[in-house]
PDB file of N, CA and C in Angstrom:
ATOM      1  N   MET A   1    -167.915 -17.016 -49.652  1.00  0.00           N
ATOM      2  CA  MET A   1    -166.808 -17.163 -50.692  1.00  0.00           C
ATOM      3  C   MET A   1    -165.541 -18.347 -50.010  1.00  0.00           C
ATOM      4  N   VAL A   2    -165.941 -19.305 -50.880  1.00  0.00           N
ATOM      5  CA  VAL A   2    -164.825 -20.267 -50.591  1.00  0.00           C
ATOM      6  C   VAL A   2    -163.772 -19.830 -51.324  1.00  0.00           C
ATOM      7  N   GLY A   3    -162.308 -20.205 -50.533  1.00  0.00           N
ATOM      8  CA  GLY A   3    -161.288 -20.080 -51.341  1.00  0.00           C
ATOM      9  C   GLY A   3    -160.211 -20.646 -51.303  1.00  0.00           C
ATOM     10  N   GLN A   4    -160.592 -22.184 -50.479  1.00  0.00           N
ATOM     11  CA  GLN A   4    -159.868 -23.093 -50.485  1.00  0.00           C
ATOM     12  C   GLN A   4    -160.112 -24.417 -50.653  1.00  0.00           C
ATOM     13  N   ASN A   5    -159.726 -25.832 -51.012  1.00  0.00           N
ATOM     14  CA  ASN A   5    -160.696 -26.556 -51.516  1.00  0.00           C
ATOM     15  C   ASN A   5    -161.169 -27.275 -50.233  1.00  0.00           C
ATOM     16  N   GLU A   6    -160.846 -27.154 -49.018  1.00  0.00           N
ATOM     17  CA  GLU A   6    -161.408 -27.807 -47.990  1.00  0.00           C
ATOM     18  C   GLU A   6    -162.618 -26.762 -47.296  1.00  0.00           C
ATOM     19  N   ASP A   7    -162.464 -26.119 -47.640  1.00  0.00           N
ATOM     20  CA  ASP A   7    -164.059 -25.252 -47.444  1.00  0.00           C
ATOM     21  C   ASP A   7    -165.209 -25.340 -48.270  1.00  0.00           C
ATOM     22  N   PHE A   8    -164.878 -26.038 -49.218  1.00  0.00           N
ATOM     23  CA  PHE A   8    -166.029 -26.485 -50.504  1.00  0.00           C
ATOM     24  C   PHE A   8    -167.355 -27.053 -49.618  1.00  0.00           C
ATOM     25  N   LEU A   9    -166.565 -28.166 -49.133  1.00  0.00           N
ATOM     26  CA  LEU A   9    -167.552 -29.385 -48.671  1.00  0.00           C
ATOM     27  C   LEU A   9    -168.583 -28.795 -47.734  1.00  0.00           C
ATOM     28  N   PRO A  10    -167.851 -27.756 -46.945  1.00  0.00           N
ATOM     29  CA  PRO A  10    -168.837 -27.424 -45.292  1.00  0.00           C
ATOM     30  C   PRO A  10    -169.954 -26.415 -46.028  1.00  0.00           C
ATOM     31  N   ALA A  11    -169.310 -25.417 -47.014  1.00  0.00           N
ATOM     32  CA  ALA A  11    -170.337 -24.569 -48.192  1.00  0.00           C
ATOM     33  C   ALA A  11    -171.517 -25.074 -48.613  1.00  0.00           C
ATOM     34  N   LEU A  12    -171.176 -26.460 -49.089  1.00  0.00           N
ATOM     35  CA  LEU A  12    -171.953 -26.957 -50.278  1.00  0.00           C
ATOM     36  C   LEU A  12    -173.139 -27.922 -49.282  1.00  0.00           C
ATOM     37  N   GLN A  13    -172.766 -28.114 -47.940  1.00  0.00           N
ATOM     38  CA  GLN A  13    -173.479 -28.963 -47.138  1.00  0.00           C
ATOM     39  C   GLN A  13    -174.806 -27.641 -46.252  1.00  0.00           C
ATOM     40  N   ARG A  14    -173.915 -26.541 -45.696  1.00  0.00           N
ATOM     41  CA  ARG A  14    -174.576 -25.364 -45.675  1.00  0.00           C
ATOM     42  C   ARG A  14    -175.511 -24.925 -46.616  1.00  0.00           C
ATOM     43  N   ALA A  15    -175.596 -24.893 -48.235  1.00  0.00           N
ATOM     44  CA  ALA A  15    -176.054 -24.525 -49.099  1.00  0.00           C
ATOM     45  C   ALA A  15    -177.704 -25.724 -49.267  1.00  0.00           C
ATOM     46  N   ILE A  16    -177.260 -27.205 -49.294  1.00  0.00           N
ATOM     47  CA  ILE A  16    -177.981 -28.200 -49.050  1.00  0.00           C
ATOM     48  C   ILE A  16    -179.576 -28.156 -47.665  1.00  0.00           C
ATOM     49  N   HIS A  17    -178.437 -27.966 -46.719  1.00  0.00           N
ATOM     50  CA  HIS A  17    -179.454 -27.911 -45.260  1.00  0.00           C
ATOM     51  C   HIS A  17    -180.145 -26.407 -45.083  1.00  0.00           C
ATOM     52  N   SER A  18    -180.005 -25.656 -45.876  1.00  0.00           N
ATOM     53  CA  SER A  18    -180.548 -24.355 -46.104  1.00  0.00           C
ATOM     54  C   SER A  18    -181.916 -24.801 -46.767  1.00  0.00           C
ATOM     55  N   ARG A  19    -182.153 -25.920 -47.787  1.00  0.00           N
ATOM     56  CA  ARG A  19    -183.217 -26.200 -48.597  1.00  0.00           C
ATOM     57  C   ARG A  19    -183.788 -24.968 -49.412  1.00  0.00           C
ATOM     58  N   LYS A  20    -182.972 -23.834 -49.981  1.00  0.00           N
ATOM     59  CA  LYS A  20    -183.537 -22.978 -50.443  1.00  0.00           C
ATOM     60  C   LYS A  20    -182.028 -22.738 -51.743  1.00  0.00           C
ATOM     61  N   PRO A  21    -182.728 -22.200 -52.895  1.00  0.00           N
ATOM     62  CA  PRO A  21    -181.693 -21.807 -53.839  1.00  0.00           C
ATOM     63  C   PRO A  21    -180.027 -21.182 -52.795  1.00  0.00           C
ATOM     64  N   ALA A  22    -179.097 -21.295 -53.549  1.00  0.00           N
ATOM     65  CA  ALA A  22    -178.138 -21.112 -53.226  1.00  0.00           C
ATOM     66  C   ALA A  22    -177.006 -21.232 -54.064  1.00  0.00           C
ATOM     67  N   VAL A  23    -175.912 -20.098 -53.909  1.00  0.00           N
ATOM     68  CA  VAL A  23    -174.660 -19.781 -54.842  1.00  0.00           C
ATOM     69  C   VAL A  23    -173.710 -20.133 -54.606  1.00  0.00           C
ATOM     70  N   ILE A  24    -172.656 -20.756 -54.438  1.00  0.00           N
ATOM     71  CA  ILE A  24    -171.437 -20.638 -53.848  1.00  0.00           C
ATOM     72  C   ILE A  24    -170.112 -20.065 -54.859  1.00  0.00           C
ATOM     73  N   GLU A  25    -169.858 -19.086 -54.284  1.00  0.00           N
ATOM     74  CA  GLU A  25    -168.640 -18.334 -55.331  1.00  0.00           C
ATOM     75  C   GLU A  25    -167.305 -19.044 -54.895  1.00  0.00           C
ATOM     76  N   VAL A  26    -166.780 -19.069 -55.342  1.00  0.00           N
ATOM     77  CA  VAL A  26    -165.626 -20.015 -55.706  1.00  0.00           C
ATOM     78  C   VAL A  26    -164.490 -19.340 -56.421  1.00  0.00           C
ATOM     79  N   ALA A  27    -163.436 -18.907 -55.438  1.00  0.00           N
ATOM     80  CA  ALA A  27    -162.607 -17.911 -55.953  1.00  0.00           C
ATOM     81  C   ALA A  27    -161.362 -18.735 -56.646  1.00  0.00           C
ATOM     82  N   ILE A  28    -160.948 -18.552 -57.668  1.00  0.00           N
ATOM     83  CA  ILE A  28    -160.092 -19.548 -58.349  1.00  0.00           C
ATOM     84  C   ILE A  28    -159.238 -18.325 -58.944  1.00  0.00           C
ATOM     85  N   ASP A  29    -157.602 -19.432 -59.470  1.00  0.00           N
ATOM     86  CA  ASP A  29    -156.480 -18.486 -60.191  1.00  0.00           C
ATOM     87  C   ASP A  29    -157.070 -18.315 -61.515  1.00  0.00           C
ATOM     88  N   PRO A  30    -157.244 -17.069 -62.413  1.00  0.00           N
ATOM     89  CA  PRO A  30    -157.701 -16.959 -63.464  1.00  0.00           C
ATOM     90  C   PRO A  30    -156.186 -17.516 -64.482  1.00  0.00           C
ATOM     91  N   GLU A  31    -155.571 -17.902 -64.276  1.00  0.00           N
ATOM     92  CA  GLU A  31    -154.470 -18.551 -64.782  1.00  0.00           C
ATOM     93  C   GLU A  31    -154.385 -20.126 -65.063  1.00  0.00           C
ATOM     94  N   GLN A  32    -155.285 -20.739 -63.600  1.00  0.00           N
ATOM     95  CA  GLN A  32    -155.638 -22.136 -64.017  1.00  0.00           C
ATOM     96  C   GLN A  32    -156.653 -22.698 -64.925  1.00  0.00           C
ATOM     97  N   ILE A  33    -156.122 -23.381 -65.492  1.00  0.00           N
ATOM     98  CA  ILE A  33    -157.100 -23.773 -66.590  1.00  0.00           C
ATOM     99  C   ILE A  33    -157.391 -25.219 -66.520  1.00  0.00           C
ATOM    100  N   MET A  34    -156.677 -26.026 -65.954  1.00  0.00           N
ATOM    101  CA  MET A  34    -156.641 -27.239 -65.342  1.00  0.00           C
ATOM    102  C   MET A  34    -156.180 -27.733 -63.982  1.00  0.00           C
ATOM    103  N   VAL A  35    -156.211 -28.839 -63.022  1.00  0.00           N
ATOM    104  CA  VAL A  35    -155.652 -28.574 -62.341  1.00  0.00           C
ATOM    105  C   VAL A  35    -154.527 -29.011 -62.307  1.00  0.00           C
ATOM    106  N   GLU A  36    -153.768 -29.186 -63.252  1.00  0.00           N
ATOM    107  CA  GLU A  36    -152.249 -29.553 -62.937  1.00  0.00           C
ATOM    108  C   GLU A  36    -151.735 -28.655 -64.002  1.00  0.00           C
ATOM    109  N   LYS A  37    -152.408 -27.716 -64.580  1.00  0.00           N
ATOM    110  CA  LYS A  37    -151.479 -26.553 -65.725  1.00  0.00           C
ATOM    111  C   LYS A  37    -151.823 -25.461 -65.518  1.00  0.00           C
ATOM    112  N   THR A  38    -151.124 -24.343 -65.617  1.00  0.00           N
ATOM    113  CA  THR A  38    -151.420 -23.015 -66.043  1.00  0.00           C
ATOM    114  C   THR A  38    -151.766 -22.596 -67.520  1.00  0.00           C
ATOM    115  N   ILE A  39    -152.110 -21.283 -67.399  1.00  0.00           N
ATOM    116  CA  ILE A  39    -151.907 -20.731 -69.548  1.00  0.00           C
ATOM    117  C   ILE A  39    -150.634 -21.144 -69.227  1.00  0.00           C
ATOM    118  N   GLU A  40    -149.921 -20.528 -68.608  1.00  0.00           N
ATOM    119  CA  GLU A  40    -148.621 -20.591 -68.885  1.00  0.00           C
ATOM    120  C   GLU A  40    -147.799 -21.531 -69.134  1.00  0.00           C
ATOM    121  N   ASP A  41    -148.142 -22.582 -68.320  1.00  0.00           N
ATOM    122  CA  ASP A  41    -147.904 -24.028 -68.695  1.00  0.00           C
ATOM    123  C   ASP A  41    -147.781 -24.535 -70.280  1.00  0.00           C
ATOM    124  N   VAL A  42    -149.316 -24.416 -70.655  1.00  0.00           N
ATOM    125  CA  VAL A  42    -149.770 -24.386 -72.058  1.00  0.00           C
ATOM    126  C   VAL A  42    -148.849 -23.935 -72.850  1.00  0.00           C
ATOM    127  N   ARG A  43    -148.574 -22.581 -72.703  1.00  0.00           N
ATOM    128  CA  ARG A  43    -147.696 -21.677 -73.586  1.00  0.00           C
ATOM    129  C   ARG A  43    -146.128 -22.402 -73.982  1.00  0.00           C
ATOM    130  N   ALA A  44    -145.548 -23.009 -72.773  1.00  0.00           N
ATOM    131  CA  ALA A  44    -144.467 -23.437 -72.937  1.00  0.00           C
ATOM    132  C   ALA A  44    -144.227 -24.804 -73.558  1.00  0.00           C
TER     133      ALA A  44
END
């Protein structure tokens, strides 16, 4: 599971180098709908 931005690239590289189908699970904030905005920001 990837929980931080800097962890994504190594996970992607491992997936590519494995030469097998892969799924990269990414933990996100369910309130974050855009990079700059959350649902609460849009409501305001």
